[in-house]
N, C-alpha and C. Protein backbone atom coordinates (compact mmCIF):
# COMPACT_ATOMS: atom_id res chain seq x y z
N UNK A 1 20.15 -11.83 4.40
CA UNK A 1 19.39 -11.51 5.91
C UNK A 1 19.28 -12.32 6.84
N UNK A 2 19.49 -12.49 7.89
CA UNK A 2 19.09 -13.28 9.05
C UNK A 2 17.74 -13.16 9.72
N UNK A 3 17.08 -14.20 10.09
CA UNK A 3 15.98 -13.81 10.65
C UNK A 3 15.80 -12.89 12.06
N UNK A 4 16.76 -13.16 12.61
CA UNK A 4 17.05 -12.14 13.61
C UNK A 4 16.89 -10.58 12.97
N UNK A 5 17.31 -10.41 11.94
CA UNK A 5 17.19 -9.17 11.59
C UNK A 5 15.85 -8.52 11.06
N UNK A 6 14.97 -9.46 10.96
CA UNK A 6 13.63 -9.43 10.70
C UNK A 6 12.71 -9.22 11.99
N UNK A 7 13.32 -9.78 13.31
CA UNK A 7 12.44 -9.81 14.41
C UNK A 7 12.10 -8.32 14.96
N UNK A 8 10.78 -8.03 15.10
CA UNK A 8 10.16 -6.62 15.72
C UNK A 8 9.87 -6.20 14.50
N UNK A 9 10.14 -6.25 13.31
CA UNK A 9 9.73 -5.32 12.14
C UNK A 9 8.04 -5.72 11.99
N UNK A 10 7.62 -4.26 11.76
CA UNK A 10 5.93 -4.33 11.57
C UNK A 10 5.58 -4.88 10.21
N UNK A 11 4.78 -5.33 9.96
CA UNK A 11 4.16 -6.12 8.46
C UNK A 11 3.12 -5.09 8.30
N UNK A 12 3.13 -4.40 7.23
CA UNK A 12 2.19 -2.97 6.82
C UNK A 12 1.84 -3.49 5.26
N UNK A 13 0.37 -3.23 5.38
CA UNK A 13 -0.06 -3.45 3.77
C UNK A 13 0.20 -2.18 2.99
N UNK A 14 0.96 -2.26 1.95
CA UNK A 14 1.12 -0.56 1.51
C UNK A 14 0.21 -0.18 0.66
N UNK A 15 -0.91 -0.52 0.16
CA UNK A 15 -2.24 -0.05 -0.30
C UNK A 15 -2.90 0.48 0.68
N UNK A 16 -3.34 -0.48 1.94
CA UNK A 16 -4.27 0.26 2.81
C UNK A 16 -3.73 0.90 3.99
N UNK A 17 -2.27 0.73 4.38
CA UNK A 17 -1.91 1.17 5.59
C UNK A 17 -1.99 0.28 6.66
N UNK A 18 -2.63 -0.69 6.63
CA UNK A 18 -2.86 -1.43 7.60
C UNK A 18 -1.95 -2.32 8.23
N UNK A 19 -1.93 -2.33 9.38
CA UNK A 19 -0.82 -2.95 10.32
C UNK A 19 -1.48 -4.72 10.52
N UNK A 20 -0.27 -5.46 9.65
CA UNK A 20 -0.72 -6.75 9.63
C UNK A 20 -0.24 -7.71 10.89
N UNK A 21 0.83 -7.20 11.20
CA UNK A 21 1.46 -8.13 12.46
C UNK A 21 3.07 -7.36 12.54
N UNK A 22 3.68 -8.40 13.80
CA UNK A 22 5.11 -8.07 13.79
C UNK A 22 5.77 -9.29 13.70
N UNK A 23 6.78 -9.21 12.56
CA UNK A 23 7.66 -10.46 12.87
C UNK A 23 8.41 -10.86 13.96
N UNK A 24 8.17 -12.03 14.60
CA UNK A 24 8.49 -12.47 15.65
C UNK A 24 7.16 -13.04 16.58
N UNK A 25 6.04 -12.60 15.95
CA UNK A 25 4.62 -13.00 16.60
C UNK A 25 4.42 -13.84 15.48
N UNK A 26 5.12 -13.87 14.36
CA UNK A 26 4.66 -14.69 13.08
C UNK A 26 5.32 -16.05 12.88
N UNK A 27 4.79 -16.68 11.97
CA UNK A 27 5.86 -18.01 11.77
C UNK A 27 6.25 -17.80 10.35
N UNK A 28 7.42 -18.23 9.99
CA UNK A 28 8.18 -18.36 8.56
C UNK A 28 7.71 -19.75 8.18
N UNK A 29 7.32 -20.01 6.70
CA UNK A 29 7.32 -21.15 6.17
C UNK A 29 8.58 -21.23 5.19
N UNK A 30 8.85 -22.24 5.21
CA UNK A 30 10.70 -22.73 4.45
C UNK A 30 10.24 -23.77 3.44
N UNK A 31 10.91 -23.64 2.23
CA UNK A 31 10.98 -24.45 1.10
C UNK A 31 11.77 -25.63 1.87
N UNK A 32 11.69 -26.77 2.22
CA UNK A 32 12.47 -27.57 2.34
C UNK A 32 13.64 -28.26 1.60
N UNK A 33 13.59 -27.78 0.55
CA UNK A 33 14.53 -28.30 -0.55
C UNK A 33 15.81 -27.32 -0.83
N UNK A 34 15.18 -26.14 -0.79
CA UNK A 34 16.02 -24.97 -0.82
C UNK A 34 16.40 -24.44 0.25
N UNK A 35 15.52 -24.36 1.24
CA UNK A 35 16.22 -23.59 2.31
C UNK A 35 15.38 -22.16 2.56
N UNK A 36 14.84 -21.83 1.34
CA UNK A 36 14.54 -20.32 1.09
C UNK A 36 12.97 -20.07 1.77
N UNK A 37 12.84 -19.03 2.54
CA UNK A 37 11.38 -18.71 3.14
C UNK A 37 10.51 -18.33 2.01
N UNK A 38 9.07 -18.99 1.96
CA UNK A 38 8.29 -19.07 1.18
C UNK A 38 7.28 -18.12 1.26
N UNK A 39 6.91 -17.81 3.03
CA UNK A 39 5.89 -17.47 3.35
C UNK A 39 5.73 -16.78 5.01
N UNK A 40 5.20 -15.76 5.11
CA UNK A 40 5.15 -15.11 6.66
C UNK A 40 3.61 -15.77 6.93
N UNK A 41 3.59 -16.35 8.23
CA UNK A 41 2.34 -16.62 8.34
C UNK A 41 1.83 -15.98 9.71
N UNK A 42 0.82 -15.05 9.55
CA UNK A 42 0.53 -13.96 10.87
C UNK A 42 -0.62 -14.56 11.41
N UNK A 43 -0.82 -15.01 12.57
CA UNK A 43 -1.80 -15.47 13.53
C UNK A 43 -2.81 -14.60 14.00
N UNK A 44 -4.21 -14.76 14.01
CA UNK A 44 -5.17 -13.70 14.46
C UNK A 44 -5.59 -13.86 15.65
N UNK A 45 -6.08 -13.13 16.61
CA UNK A 45 -6.77 -13.36 17.59
C UNK A 45 -5.92 -13.69 18.81
N UNK A 46 -6.75 -14.55 19.83
CA UNK A 46 -5.88 -15.29 21.07
C UNK A 46 -6.63 -16.24 21.38
N UNK A 47 -6.36 -16.88 22.27
CA UNK A 47 -7.47 -18.15 22.71
C UNK A 47 -8.86 -17.76 23.03
N UNK A 48 -8.83 -16.49 23.55
CA UNK A 48 -10.63 -15.93 23.76
C UNK A 48 -11.24 -15.93 22.55
N UNK A 49 -10.76 -15.86 21.39
CA UNK A 49 -11.24 -15.54 19.87
C UNK A 49 -10.81 -16.78 19.04
N UNK A 50 -10.92 -17.59 20.06
CA UNK A 50 -10.91 -19.20 19.32
C UNK A 50 -12.11 -19.81 18.47
N UNK A 51 -11.91 -19.91 17.26
CA UNK A 51 -13.15 -20.34 16.50
C UNK A 51 -13.67 -19.17 15.76
N UNK A 52 -13.61 -17.84 16.13
CA UNK A 52 -14.07 -16.82 15.68
C UNK A 52 -13.40 -16.32 14.52
N UNK A 53 -13.93 -16.47 13.14
CA UNK A 53 -13.47 -15.94 11.92
C UNK A 53 -11.72 -16.58 11.43
N UNK A 54 -11.33 -15.75 10.65
CA UNK A 54 -9.94 -16.41 9.99
C UNK A 54 -8.83 -16.25 11.23
N UNK A 55 -8.25 -17.59 11.25
CA UNK A 55 -7.25 -17.74 12.41
C UNK A 55 -5.82 -17.30 11.83
N UNK A 56 -5.37 -17.21 10.55
CA UNK A 56 -4.09 -16.75 10.13
C UNK A 56 -4.38 -16.11 8.79
N UNK A 57 -3.34 -15.13 8.39
CA UNK A 57 -3.08 -14.58 7.05
C UNK A 57 -1.44 -15.03 6.67
N UNK A 58 -1.80 -15.52 5.46
CA UNK A 58 -0.28 -15.97 4.48
C UNK A 58 -0.16 -15.01 3.56
N UNK A 59 0.93 -14.84 3.90
CA UNK A 59 1.77 -13.57 2.82
C UNK A 59 2.83 -14.24 2.15
N UNK A 60 2.92 -14.40 1.01
CA UNK A 60 3.91 -15.01 0.06
C UNK A 60 5.26 -14.01 0.13
N UNK A 61 6.48 -14.75 0.01
CA UNK A 61 7.40 -13.69 0.15
C UNK A 61 7.57 -13.09 -0.91
N UNK A 62 7.18 -13.49 -2.32
CA UNK A 62 7.19 -12.63 -3.23
C UNK A 62 6.54 -11.59 -3.23
N UNK A 63 5.36 -11.45 -2.37
CA UNK A 63 4.65 -9.97 -2.27
C UNK A 63 5.22 -8.92 -1.26
N UNK A 64 6.46 -9.28 -0.75
CA UNK A 64 7.02 -8.22 -0.03
C UNK A 64 7.65 -7.31 -0.70
N UNK A 65 7.08 -6.12 -0.80
CA UNK A 65 7.69 -4.65 -1.78
C UNK A 65 9.07 -4.55 -1.18
N UNK A 66 9.12 -4.23 -0.04
CA UNK A 66 10.63 -3.89 0.65
C UNK A 66 10.69 -4.61 2.03
N UNK A 67 11.88 -4.32 2.68
CA UNK A 67 12.09 -4.56 4.00
C UNK A 67 12.98 -3.30 4.33
N UNK A 68 12.54 -2.50 5.21
CA UNK A 68 12.74 -1.23 5.89
C UNK A 68 13.59 -1.39 7.21
N UNK A 69 14.05 -0.77 7.63
CA UNK A 69 14.67 -0.61 9.17
C UNK A 69 13.76 -1.12 10.21
N UNK A 70 12.46 -0.35 10.19
CA UNK A 70 11.31 -0.79 11.25
C UNK A 70 10.20 -1.63 10.66
N UNK A 71 10.16 -1.82 9.44
CA UNK A 71 8.84 -2.24 8.91
C UNK A 71 9.15 -3.10 7.60
N UNK A 72 8.33 -3.80 7.27
CA UNK A 72 8.29 -4.40 6.07
C UNK A 72 6.90 -4.31 5.36
N UNK A 73 6.94 -3.80 4.36
CA UNK A 73 5.85 -3.21 3.33
C UNK A 73 5.54 -4.51 2.08
N UNK A 74 4.40 -4.72 2.13
CA UNK A 74 3.94 -5.95 1.69
C UNK A 74 2.82 -5.60 0.47
N UNK A 75 2.76 -6.02 -0.83
CA UNK A 75 1.67 -5.81 -1.76
C UNK A 75 0.96 -6.97 -2.23
N UNK A 76 0.58 -7.39 -1.59
CA UNK A 76 -0.73 -8.32 -1.46
C UNK A 76 -1.95 -8.53 -2.12
N UNK A 77 -2.21 -9.33 -3.21
CA UNK A 77 -3.52 -9.32 -3.82
C UNK A 77 -4.62 -9.66 -3.05
N UNK A 78 -4.44 -10.81 -2.09
CA UNK A 78 -5.46 -11.30 -1.30
C UNK A 78 -6.03 -10.50 -0.63
């Protein structure tokens, strides 16, 4: 799968149905040795909310349950 194929997909928590973000507004963390994606990093808030609460959510690639046409479903324990 290409990164461009992930762009625009919503990231949804499978158990809660909560929308966590959209790929394209997230960062990807790669393993430098293998080139594999390790995590999605979803930023929170904006410049206005600087310093208030958690700034990002990190989702391990292994927590992705399925990648569909419009969304990515995750099953994270965090």
